[in-house]
Amino acid sequence: MIEKKERHGFLKKFGKWAPIIGGAWVLLNIFLPLALLRIPAVQKFLVAVGEKLPFHIPGIG
């Protein structure tokens, strides 16, 4: 019976906003960067910026 109260409290606390916020986080932090990396202009920009760096990053270039 205690578990039902805790579960109900959790759902009541976050309500319908939890899946919306979680979905937005996944969209902004996973899907958007991966989608941007598929655009050739973004790839060329990242290569140009990587060549201008005054230090070497292993695995890039």
Protein backbone atom coordinates (compact mmCIF):
# COMPACT_ATOMS: atom_id res chain seq x y z
CA MET A 1 0.00 0.00 0.00
CA ILE A 2 2.95 2.33 0.62
CA GLU A 3 4.22 1.71 -2.91
CA LYS A 4 0.94 2.90 -4.41
CA LYS A 5 1.15 6.17 -2.50
CA GLU A 6 4.76 6.75 -3.63
CA ARG A 7 3.92 5.92 -7.21
CA HIS A 8 0.84 8.13 -7.13
CA GLY A 9 2.89 10.95 -5.60
CA PHE A 10 5.52 10.64 -8.31
CA LEU A 11 2.96 10.75 -11.10
CA LYS A 12 1.11 13.57 -9.43
CA LYS A 13 4.32 15.55 -8.94
CA PHE A 14 5.46 15.43 -12.57
CA GLY A 15 2.14 14.73 -14.26
CA LYS A 16 1.94 15.05 -18.01
CA TRP A 17 5.07 17.23 -18.26
CA ALA A 18 7.59 14.43 -17.62
CA PRO A 19 7.22 12.71 -21.02
CA ILE A 20 7.14 16.07 -22.80
CA ILE A 21 10.33 17.27 -21.12
CA GLY A 22 12.00 13.89 -21.62
CA GLY A 23 11.08 13.81 -25.30
CA ALA A 24 12.35 17.36 -25.79
CA TRP A 25 15.64 16.46 -24.09
CA VAL A 26 16.13 13.44 -26.35
CA LEU A 27 15.27 15.53 -29.42
CA LEU A 28 17.64 18.38 -28.57
CA ASN A 29 20.56 16.29 -27.33
CA ILE A 30 20.49 13.22 -29.59
CA PHE A 31 18.44 13.58 -32.75
CA LEU A 32 19.21 17.21 -33.59
CA PRO A 33 23.03 16.89 -33.45
CA LEU A 34 22.91 13.66 -35.46
CA ALA A 35 20.66 15.29 -38.05
CA LEU A 36 22.97 18.31 -38.30
CA LEU A 37 26.01 16.09 -38.85
CA ARG A 38 24.37 14.64 -41.98
CA ILE A 39 24.24 18.06 -43.68
CA PRO A 40 27.28 18.55 -45.96
CA ALA A 41 27.57 22.28 -45.17
CA VAL A 42 27.81 21.52 -41.46
CA GLN A 43 30.44 18.85 -42.14
CA LYS A 44 32.55 21.31 -44.16
CA PHE A 45 32.24 23.93 -41.42
CA LEU A 46 33.38 21.48 -38.74
CA VAL A 47 36.37 20.42 -40.85
CA ALA A 48 37.34 24.06 -41.43
CA VAL A 49 37.09 24.87 -37.72
CA GLY A 50 39.07 21.74 -36.85
CA GLU A 51 41.91 22.80 -39.17
CA LYS A 52 42.12 26.25 -37.57
CA LEU A 53 42.63 24.92 -34.05
CA PRO A 54 46.13 25.62 -32.68
CA PHE A 55 46.33 22.13 -31.14
CA HIS A 56 45.80 18.56 -32.32
CA ILE A 57 42.80 16.56 -31.14
CA PRO A 58 43.41 12.80 -31.53
CA GLY A 59 40.89 11.15 -33.82
CA ILE A 60 40.00 14.34 -35.72
CA GLY A 61 41.61 14.93 -39.07
